[in-house]
């Protein structure tokens, strides 16, 4: 039982660390992350008959974002 509790504690600690890492991102990177999520969700939502509009980004201001 201790291994289960320690594993759960490890998972929650990693989850919290990820939240802090994402919160520390610059605003343009956060917007880029939202657009990526929109692109991933769009086909699923369209298949369900929903109207979807993914944001388009002007590449000029996003030059400061390092490529992944």
N, C-alpha and C. Protein backbone atom coordinates (compact mmCIF):
# COMPACT_ATOMS: atom_id res chain seq x y z
N UNK A 1 0.81 -1.19 0.00
CA UNK A 1 0.00 0.00 0.00
C UNK A 1 0.86 1.26 0.00
N UNK A 2 2.02 1.21 0.66
CA UNK A 2 2.90 2.37 0.67
C UNK A 2 3.41 2.72 -0.72
N UNK A 3 3.64 1.69 -1.55
CA UNK A 3 4.12 1.97 -2.90
C UNK A 3 3.06 2.69 -3.72
N UNK A 4 1.79 2.35 -3.49
CA UNK A 4 0.71 3.03 -4.20
C UNK A 4 0.65 4.50 -3.76
N UNK A 5 0.72 4.74 -2.47
CA UNK A 5 0.68 6.11 -1.96
C UNK A 5 1.87 6.93 -2.44
N UNK A 6 3.04 6.31 -2.46
CA UNK A 6 4.23 7.04 -2.92
C UNK A 6 4.14 7.32 -4.42
N UNK A 7 3.56 6.40 -5.18
CA UNK A 7 3.39 6.61 -6.62
C UNK A 7 2.39 7.75 -6.87
N UNK A 8 1.31 7.76 -6.12
CA UNK A 8 0.33 8.83 -6.25
C UNK A 8 0.94 10.17 -5.88
N UNK A 9 1.72 10.20 -4.81
CA UNK A 9 2.39 11.44 -4.40
C UNK A 9 3.35 11.91 -5.48
N UNK A 10 4.07 10.99 -6.11
CA UNK A 10 5.01 11.33 -7.18
C UNK A 10 4.25 11.92 -8.38
N UNK A 11 3.11 11.31 -8.72
CA UNK A 11 2.32 11.79 -9.85
C UNK A 11 1.80 13.20 -9.59
N UNK A 12 1.28 13.44 -8.38
CA UNK A 12 0.77 14.77 -8.06
C UNK A 12 1.88 15.81 -8.02
N UNK A 13 3.05 15.43 -7.55
CA UNK A 13 4.18 16.36 -7.53
C UNK A 13 4.60 16.72 -8.96
N UNK A 14 4.62 15.73 -9.84
CA UNK A 14 4.98 15.98 -11.24
C UNK A 14 3.93 16.87 -11.91
N UNK A 15 2.67 16.63 -11.58
CA UNK A 15 1.58 17.43 -12.14
C UNK A 15 1.71 18.89 -11.70
N UNK A 16 2.02 19.10 -10.44
CA UNK A 16 2.19 20.46 -9.92
C UNK A 16 3.40 21.14 -10.56
N UNK A 17 4.48 20.40 -10.73
CA UNK A 17 5.68 20.97 -11.35
C UNK A 17 5.39 21.38 -12.79
N UNK A 18 4.62 20.56 -13.51
CA UNK A 18 4.25 20.89 -14.89
C UNK A 18 3.40 22.16 -14.93
N UNK A 19 2.46 22.27 -14.00
CA UNK A 19 1.62 23.48 -13.94
C UNK A 19 2.47 24.73 -13.73
N UNK A 20 3.45 24.64 -12.84
CA UNK A 20 4.33 25.79 -12.59
C UNK A 20 5.16 26.12 -13.82
N UNK A 21 5.63 25.08 -14.51
CA UNK A 21 6.43 25.28 -15.72
C UNK A 21 5.59 25.98 -16.80
N UNK A 22 4.35 25.53 -16.99
CA UNK A 22 3.48 26.14 -17.99
C UNK A 22 3.10 27.56 -17.60
N UNK A 23 2.89 27.81 -16.33
CA UNK A 23 2.54 29.16 -15.86
C UNK A 23 3.68 30.14 -16.08
N UNK A 24 4.91 29.65 -16.08
CA UNK A 24 6.07 30.51 -16.25
C UNK A 24 6.38 30.83 -17.72
N UNK A 25 5.68 30.19 -18.65
CA UNK A 25 5.93 30.44 -20.07
C UNK A 25 5.57 31.88 -20.43
N UNK A 26 6.28 32.45 -21.41
CA UNK A 26 5.90 33.78 -21.91
C UNK A 26 4.53 33.71 -22.60
N UNK A 27 3.82 34.83 -22.62
CA UNK A 27 2.47 34.85 -23.17
C UNK A 27 2.38 34.31 -24.60
N UNK A 28 3.28 34.69 -25.53
CA UNK A 28 3.18 34.15 -26.90
C UNK A 28 3.24 32.62 -26.94
N UNK A 29 4.03 32.02 -26.08
CA UNK A 29 4.10 30.55 -26.07
C UNK A 29 2.81 29.95 -25.53
N UNK A 30 2.17 30.64 -24.60
CA UNK A 30 0.88 30.15 -24.09
C UNK A 30 -0.17 30.19 -25.19
N UNK A 31 -0.17 31.28 -25.96
CA UNK A 31 -1.12 31.39 -27.07
C UNK A 31 -0.86 30.30 -28.09
N UNK A 32 0.40 30.05 -28.39
CA UNK A 32 0.76 29.00 -29.33
C UNK A 32 0.28 27.64 -28.83
N UNK A 33 0.37 27.39 -27.54
CA UNK A 33 -0.11 26.14 -26.96
C UNK A 33 -1.62 26.01 -27.13
N UNK A 34 -2.35 27.11 -26.96
CA UNK A 34 -3.81 27.08 -27.14
C UNK A 34 -4.15 26.75 -28.58
N UNK A 35 -3.44 27.36 -29.52
CA UNK A 35 -3.69 27.10 -30.94
C UNK A 35 -3.41 25.63 -31.27
N UNK A 36 -2.34 25.08 -30.73
CA UNK A 36 -2.04 23.66 -30.95
C UNK A 36 -3.15 22.77 -30.41
N UNK A 37 -3.68 23.10 -29.25
CA UNK A 37 -4.80 22.33 -28.69
C UNK A 37 -6.04 22.47 -29.57
N UNK A 38 -6.28 23.67 -30.09
CA UNK A 38 -7.41 23.87 -30.99
C UNK A 38 -7.27 23.01 -32.24
N UNK A 39 -6.06 22.94 -32.79
CA UNK A 39 -5.82 22.15 -33.99
C UNK A 39 -6.04 20.66 -33.73
N UNK A 40 -5.67 20.21 -32.53
CA UNK A 40 -5.87 18.80 -32.20
C UNK A 40 -7.35 18.48 -32.00
N UNK A 41 -8.09 19.41 -31.40
CA UNK A 41 -9.49 19.15 -31.09
C UNK A 41 -10.42 19.36 -32.29
N UNK A 42 -10.02 20.18 -33.24
CA UNK A 42 -10.88 20.56 -34.35
C UNK A 42 -11.45 19.37 -35.12
N UNK A 43 -10.65 18.38 -35.54
CA UNK A 43 -11.22 17.26 -36.30
C UNK A 43 -12.28 16.48 -35.50
N UNK A 44 -12.05 16.32 -34.22
CA UNK A 44 -13.01 15.60 -33.39
C UNK A 44 -14.32 16.37 -33.27
N UNK A 45 -14.22 17.67 -33.06
CA UNK A 45 -15.41 18.49 -32.93
C UNK A 45 -16.17 18.58 -34.25
N UNK A 46 -15.44 18.69 -35.36
CA UNK A 46 -16.10 18.74 -36.67
C UNK A 46 -16.81 17.42 -36.97
N UNK A 47 -16.22 16.31 -36.56
CA UNK A 47 -16.85 15.01 -36.76
C UNK A 47 -18.16 14.90 -35.99
N UNK A 48 -18.28 15.66 -34.92
CA UNK A 48 -19.51 15.68 -34.12
C UNK A 48 -20.51 16.72 -34.63
N UNK A 49 -20.15 17.40 -35.74
CA UNK A 49 -21.06 18.37 -36.32
C UNK A 49 -20.95 19.78 -35.75
N UNK A 50 -19.91 20.04 -35.01
CA UNK A 50 -19.72 21.37 -34.42
C UNK A 50 -18.98 22.27 -35.41
N UNK A 51 -19.31 23.56 -35.36
CA UNK A 51 -18.55 24.54 -36.14
C UNK A 51 -17.31 24.90 -35.34
N UNK A 52 -16.16 24.83 -35.99
CA UNK A 52 -14.90 25.07 -35.29
C UNK A 52 -14.10 26.11 -36.06
N UNK A 53 -13.54 27.04 -35.33
CA UNK A 53 -12.64 28.03 -35.93
C UNK A 53 -11.36 28.06 -35.12
N UNK A 54 -10.29 27.57 -35.73
CA UNK A 54 -8.97 27.58 -35.09
C UNK A 54 -8.35 28.95 -35.34
N UNK A 55 -7.78 29.52 -34.31
CA UNK A 55 -7.15 30.82 -34.44
C UNK A 55 -6.01 30.74 -35.45
N UNK A 56 -5.82 31.81 -36.20
CA UNK A 56 -4.66 31.90 -37.08
C UNK A 56 -3.70 32.91 -36.45
N UNK A 57 -2.44 32.58 -36.50
CA UNK A 57 -1.43 33.42 -35.89
C UNK A 57 -0.60 34.10 -36.96
N UNK A 58 -0.28 35.36 -36.72
CA UNK A 58 0.64 36.08 -37.58
C UNK A 58 2.04 35.60 -37.21
N UNK A 59 2.77 35.01 -38.15
CA UNK A 59 4.09 34.46 -37.81
C UNK A 59 5.12 35.51 -37.40
N UNK A 60 4.92 36.74 -37.79
CA UNK A 60 5.91 37.79 -37.49
C UNK A 60 6.14 37.97 -35.98
N UNK A 61 5.09 38.19 -35.16
CA UNK A 61 5.35 38.39 -33.73
C UNK A 61 5.82 37.13 -33.02
N UNK A 62 5.62 35.98 -33.61
CA UNK A 62 5.97 34.73 -32.96
C UNK A 62 7.41 34.32 -33.24
N UNK A 63 8.19 35.18 -33.91
CA UNK A 63 9.57 34.82 -34.24
C UNK A 63 10.42 34.55 -33.00
N UNK A 64 10.05 35.17 -31.89
CA UNK A 64 10.85 35.00 -30.68
C UNK A 64 10.67 33.63 -30.04
N UNK A 65 9.69 32.87 -30.51
CA UNK A 65 9.44 31.55 -29.93
C UNK A 65 10.39 30.55 -30.58
N UNK A 66 11.16 29.82 -29.80
CA UNK A 66 12.06 28.83 -30.38
C UNK A 66 11.28 27.68 -31.01
N UNK A 67 11.78 27.17 -32.11
CA UNK A 67 11.10 26.04 -32.75
C UNK A 67 11.28 24.78 -31.93
N UNK A 68 10.33 23.90 -32.05
CA UNK A 68 10.36 22.68 -31.24
C UNK A 68 10.70 21.49 -32.07
